[in-house]
Amino acid sequence: LTTTSARKYKTDIVPTNYNAVEEINKINIVNFFYKNDEKKENPKIGFIADDTDSIFSTKEKNSMDHYNCIGMLLKAVQELSAENKELKKRIEKLESK
């Protein structure tokens, strides 16, 4: 699965103001089987598009928007990494006292 992501194909590029960790934490993650898997041999983990913010699903709310999900996951990792660095600094400061 590849998606075009070059700057030359995009317009109105601005940093996102979403708090990705907060938005991801709102998603109800579920276990499920697709109805056509009648023998229930292929369990899945994911979310229900109907019940999820439109940033993660299509306009019709009938499927996952993989492009946005990946972008939000990357943003969440960045947020958590920054928080982790800050906490490490605080711990080092406390330990040096």
N, C-alpha and C. Protein backbone atom coordinates (compact mmCIF):
# COMPACT_ATOMS: atom_id res chain seq x y z
N LEU A 1 0.86 -1.18 0.00
CA LEU A 1 0.00 0.00 0.00
C LEU A 1 0.90 1.23 0.00
N THR A 2 0.84 2.01 -1.04
CA THR A 2 1.58 3.26 -1.09
C THR A 2 0.60 4.38 -1.45
N THR A 3 0.90 5.56 -0.97
CA THR A 3 0.08 6.73 -1.23
C THR A 3 0.99 7.87 -1.64
N THR A 4 0.59 8.60 -2.65
CA THR A 4 1.37 9.75 -3.08
C THR A 4 1.46 10.75 -1.94
N SER A 5 2.67 11.17 -1.63
CA SER A 5 2.84 12.09 -0.52
C SER A 5 3.82 13.22 -0.83
N ALA A 6 4.20 13.38 -2.07
CA ALA A 6 5.14 14.43 -2.45
C ALA A 6 4.47 15.81 -2.37
N ARG A 7 5.25 16.78 -1.99
CA ARG A 7 4.79 18.16 -1.87
C ARG A 7 4.13 18.65 -3.15
N LYS A 8 4.64 18.23 -4.30
CA LYS A 8 4.15 18.74 -5.58
C LYS A 8 2.69 18.37 -5.84
N TYR A 9 2.15 17.42 -5.11
CA TYR A 9 0.76 17.00 -5.29
C TYR A 9 -0.18 17.63 -4.26
N LYS A 10 0.34 18.51 -3.42
CA LYS A 10 -0.46 19.04 -2.30
C LYS A 10 -0.58 20.55 -2.37
N THR A 11 -1.60 21.06 -1.71
CA THR A 11 -1.81 22.50 -1.64
C THR A 11 -2.26 22.86 -0.23
N ASP A 12 -2.16 24.13 0.13
CA ASP A 12 -2.61 24.63 1.44
C ASP A 12 -2.01 23.83 2.59
N ILE A 13 -0.72 23.59 2.55
CA ILE A 13 -0.02 22.79 3.56
C ILE A 13 0.23 23.63 4.80
N VAL A 14 -0.30 23.18 5.94
CA VAL A 14 -0.09 23.85 7.23
C VAL A 14 0.06 22.78 8.30
N PRO A 15 0.79 23.10 9.39
CA PRO A 15 0.90 22.12 10.48
C PRO A 15 -0.48 21.82 11.08
N THR A 16 -0.69 20.58 11.48
CA THR A 16 -1.97 20.23 12.08
C THR A 16 -2.03 20.74 13.52
N ASN A 17 -3.23 21.09 13.95
CA ASN A 17 -3.40 21.54 15.32
C ASN A 17 -4.10 20.48 16.17
N TYR A 18 -4.25 19.28 15.61
CA TYR A 18 -4.85 18.19 16.38
C TYR A 18 -3.91 17.74 17.49
N ASN A 19 -4.47 17.45 18.63
CA ASN A 19 -3.75 16.74 19.68
C ASN A 19 -3.99 15.27 19.38
N ALA A 20 -3.06 14.65 18.68
CA ALA A 20 -3.26 13.30 18.16
C ALA A 20 -3.48 12.27 19.26
N VAL A 21 -2.71 12.36 20.34
CA VAL A 21 -2.86 11.38 21.42
C VAL A 21 -4.27 11.48 22.00
N GLU A 22 -4.74 12.68 22.21
CA GLU A 22 -6.09 12.88 22.75
C GLU A 22 -7.15 12.31 21.79
N GLU A 23 -7.02 12.58 20.52
CA GLU A 23 -7.99 12.08 19.54
C GLU A 23 -7.95 10.56 19.44
N ILE A 24 -6.77 9.99 19.46
CA ILE A 24 -6.64 8.52 19.38
C ILE A 24 -7.24 7.87 20.62
N ASN A 25 -7.06 8.49 21.78
CA ASN A 25 -7.61 7.94 23.01
C ASN A 25 -9.13 7.94 23.04
N LYS A 26 -9.76 8.72 22.18
CA LYS A 26 -11.23 8.74 22.11
C LYS A 26 -11.79 7.56 21.31
N ILE A 27 -10.94 6.89 20.54
CA ILE A 27 -11.40 5.80 19.68
C ILE A 27 -11.65 4.54 20.50
N ASN A 28 -12.80 3.94 20.29
CA ASN A 28 -13.13 2.68 20.92
C ASN A 28 -12.58 1.56 20.05
N ILE A 29 -11.52 0.91 20.51
CA ILE A 29 -10.89 -0.18 19.76
C ILE A 29 -11.62 -1.47 20.12
N VAL A 30 -11.99 -2.23 19.07
CA VAL A 30 -12.80 -3.44 19.26
C VAL A 30 -12.18 -4.64 18.56
N ASN A 31 -12.56 -5.81 19.01
CA ASN A 31 -12.27 -7.07 18.32
C ASN A 31 -13.50 -7.40 17.49
N PHE A 32 -13.30 -7.96 16.30
CA PHE A 32 -14.45 -8.29 15.46
C PHE A 32 -14.06 -9.28 14.37
N PHE A 33 -15.07 -9.80 13.71
CA PHE A 33 -14.93 -10.61 12.51
C PHE A 33 -15.75 -9.95 11.42
N TYR A 34 -15.30 -10.01 10.19
CA TYR A 34 -16.13 -9.57 9.08
C TYR A 34 -17.22 -10.61 8.84
N LYS A 35 -18.38 -10.14 8.45
CA LYS A 35 -19.53 -11.04 8.27
C LYS A 35 -19.25 -12.13 7.24
N ASN A 36 -18.42 -11.86 6.23
CA ASN A 36 -18.13 -12.89 5.22
C ASN A 36 -17.13 -13.94 5.72
N ASP A 37 -16.61 -13.76 6.93
CA ASP A 37 -15.74 -14.74 7.57
C ASP A 37 -16.63 -15.63 8.45
N GLU A 38 -17.46 -16.44 7.80
CA GLU A 38 -18.49 -17.22 8.50
C GLU A 38 -17.91 -18.21 9.50
N LYS A 39 -16.71 -18.72 9.25
CA LYS A 39 -16.09 -19.68 10.17
C LYS A 39 -15.29 -18.98 11.26
N LYS A 40 -15.26 -17.66 11.20
CA LYS A 40 -14.55 -16.85 12.18
C LYS A 40 -13.10 -17.30 12.34
N GLU A 41 -12.40 -17.35 11.21
CA GLU A 41 -11.01 -17.80 11.18
C GLU A 41 -10.02 -16.65 11.15
N ASN A 42 -10.49 -15.42 10.93
CA ASN A 42 -9.59 -14.30 10.74
C ASN A 42 -10.00 -13.12 11.63
N PRO A 43 -9.70 -13.21 12.93
CA PRO A 43 -10.11 -12.13 13.84
C PRO A 43 -9.40 -10.81 13.51
N LYS A 44 -10.08 -9.72 13.75
CA LYS A 44 -9.55 -8.38 13.47
C LYS A 44 -9.61 -7.53 14.73
N ILE A 45 -8.76 -6.53 14.76
CA ILE A 45 -8.77 -5.51 15.81
C ILE A 45 -8.81 -4.17 15.10
N GLY A 46 -9.72 -3.31 15.50
CA GLY A 46 -9.82 -2.01 14.85
C GLY A 46 -10.90 -1.17 15.49
N PHE A 47 -11.54 -0.35 14.67
CA PHE A 47 -12.62 0.48 15.18
C PHE A 47 -13.80 0.46 14.22
N ILE A 48 -14.92 0.95 14.69
CA ILE A 48 -16.12 1.04 13.88
C ILE A 48 -16.18 2.45 13.31
N ALA A 49 -16.07 2.56 12.00
CA ALA A 49 -16.03 3.88 11.34
C ALA A 49 -17.25 4.72 11.69
N ASP A 50 -18.42 4.08 11.80
CA ASP A 50 -19.66 4.80 12.12
C ASP A 50 -19.56 5.56 13.44
N ASP A 51 -18.77 5.02 14.37
CA ASP A 51 -18.69 5.55 15.74
C ASP A 51 -17.46 6.42 15.98
N THR A 52 -16.73 6.73 14.92
CA THR A 52 -15.43 7.38 15.06
C THR A 52 -15.43 8.76 14.44
N ASP A 53 -14.65 9.67 14.99
CA ASP A 53 -14.52 11.02 14.46
C ASP A 53 -14.15 10.96 12.98
N SER A 54 -14.66 11.89 12.23
CA SER A 54 -14.47 11.87 10.78
C SER A 54 -13.02 12.05 10.36
N ILE A 55 -12.13 12.45 11.26
CA ILE A 55 -10.71 12.54 10.91
C ILE A 55 -10.14 11.15 10.64
N PHE A 56 -10.75 10.12 11.22
CA PHE A 56 -10.27 8.75 11.07
C PHE A 56 -11.06 7.93 10.05
N SER A 57 -12.21 8.43 9.64
CA SER A 57 -13.06 7.67 8.72
C SER A 57 -13.40 8.51 7.49
N THR A 58 -13.98 7.87 6.50
CA THR A 58 -14.39 8.58 5.29
C THR A 58 -15.61 9.45 5.57
N LYS A 59 -15.92 10.35 4.66
CA LYS A 59 -17.10 11.22 4.83
C LYS A 59 -18.37 10.42 5.07
N GLU A 60 -18.48 9.29 4.38
CA GLU A 60 -19.66 8.44 4.52
C GLU A 60 -19.66 7.65 5.84
N LYS A 61 -18.53 7.71 6.54
CA LYS A 61 -18.34 6.98 7.80
C LYS A 61 -18.55 5.48 7.61
N ASN A 62 -18.12 4.97 6.45
CA ASN A 62 -18.28 3.54 6.21
C ASN A 62 -16.95 2.80 6.10
N SER A 63 -15.85 3.54 6.16
CA SER A 63 -14.54 2.88 6.14
C SER A 63 -13.47 3.77 6.76
N MET A 64 -12.36 3.14 7.07
CA MET A 64 -11.24 3.84 7.69
C MET A 64 -10.51 4.67 6.64
N ASP A 65 -10.10 5.87 7.00
CA ASP A 65 -9.25 6.69 6.14
C ASP A 65 -7.81 6.39 6.54
N HIS A 66 -7.18 5.45 5.84
CA HIS A 66 -5.83 5.01 6.20
C HIS A 66 -4.83 6.16 6.19
N TYR A 67 -4.96 7.04 5.24
CA TYR A 67 -4.04 8.16 5.11
C TYR A 67 -4.06 9.02 6.39
N ASN A 68 -5.26 9.40 6.84
CA ASN A 68 -5.37 10.21 8.04
C ASN A 68 -4.96 9.44 9.29
N CYS A 69 -5.32 8.15 9.34
CA CYS A 69 -4.95 7.34 10.51
C CYS A 69 -3.44 7.28 10.67
N ILE A 70 -2.73 7.06 9.58
CA ILE A 70 -1.27 6.98 9.65
C ILE A 70 -0.70 8.33 10.06
N GLY A 71 -1.20 9.41 9.49
CA GLY A 71 -0.73 10.74 9.87
C GLY A 71 -0.94 11.02 11.35
N MET A 72 -2.12 10.66 11.87
CA MET A 72 -2.40 10.89 13.28
C MET A 72 -1.53 10.00 14.17
N LEU A 73 -1.28 8.77 13.74
CA LEU A 73 -0.41 7.89 14.52
C LEU A 73 1.01 8.44 14.58
N LEU A 74 1.51 8.94 13.46
CA LEU A 74 2.85 9.55 13.45
C LEU A 74 2.90 10.77 14.35
N LYS A 75 1.86 11.60 14.29
CA LYS A 75 1.79 12.80 15.15
C LYS A 75 1.74 12.39 16.62
N ALA A 76 1.00 11.35 16.94
CA ALA A 76 0.92 10.87 18.32
C ALA A 76 2.28 10.40 18.82
N VAL A 77 3.03 9.70 17.98
CA VAL A 77 4.38 9.26 18.36
C VAL A 77 5.26 10.48 18.63
N GLN A 78 5.17 11.50 17.80
CA GLN A 78 5.94 12.73 18.02
C GLN A 78 5.57 13.38 19.36
N GLU A 79 4.26 13.46 19.64
CA GLU A 79 3.82 14.05 20.90
C GLU A 79 4.33 13.26 22.10
N LEU A 80 4.21 11.94 22.02
CA LEU A 80 4.66 11.09 23.12
C LEU A 80 6.19 11.14 23.28
N SER A 81 6.90 11.24 22.17
CA SER A 81 8.35 11.35 22.22
C SER A 81 8.77 12.65 22.91
N ALA A 82 8.11 13.74 22.55
CA ALA A 82 8.42 15.03 23.18
C ALA A 82 8.11 14.98 24.68
N GLU A 83 6.99 14.38 25.04
CA GLU A 83 6.63 14.25 26.45
C GLU A 83 7.64 13.37 27.18
N ASN A 84 8.07 12.30 26.56
CA ASN A 84 9.05 11.40 27.14
C ASN A 84 10.38 12.12 27.40
N LYS A 85 10.83 12.91 26.43
CA LYS A 85 12.07 13.68 26.60
C LYS A 85 11.95 14.64 27.78
N GLU A 86 10.82 15.31 27.88
CA GLU A 86 10.60 16.26 28.97
C GLU A 86 10.61 15.55 30.32
N LEU A 87 9.96 14.41 30.39
CA LEU A 87 9.93 13.64 31.64
C LEU A 87 11.32 13.14 32.02
N LYS A 88 12.11 12.72 31.03
CA LYS A 88 13.49 12.29 31.30
C LYS A 88 14.31 13.44 31.87
N LYS A 89 14.14 14.63 31.32
CA LYS A 89 14.85 15.80 31.84
C LYS A 89 14.46 16.07 33.29
N ARG A 90 13.16 15.97 33.58
CA ARG A 90 12.68 16.21 34.95
C ARG A 90 13.24 15.18 35.91
N ILE A 91 13.30 13.92 35.48
CA ILE A 91 13.84 12.85 36.33
C ILE A 91 15.32 13.09 36.59
N GLU A 92 16.08 13.42 35.54
CA GLU A 92 17.50 13.70 35.70
C GLU A 92 17.73 14.86 36.68
N LYS A 93 16.90 15.86 36.58
CA LYS A 93 17.00 17.02 37.46
C LYS A 93 16.73 16.63 38.91
N LEU A 94 15.72 15.82 39.10
CA LEU A 94 15.38 15.36 40.46
C LEU A 94 16.46 14.45 41.03
N GLU A 95 17.02 13.58 40.19
CA GLU A 95 18.05 12.66 40.65
C GLU A 95 19.37 13.35 40.95
N SER A 96 19.58 14.49 40.33
CA SER A 96 20.86 15.20 40.56
C SER A 96 20.84 16.03 41.85
N LYS A 97 19.70 16.12 42.48
CA LYS A 97 19.60 16.91 43.72
C LYS A 97 20.10 16.13 44.92
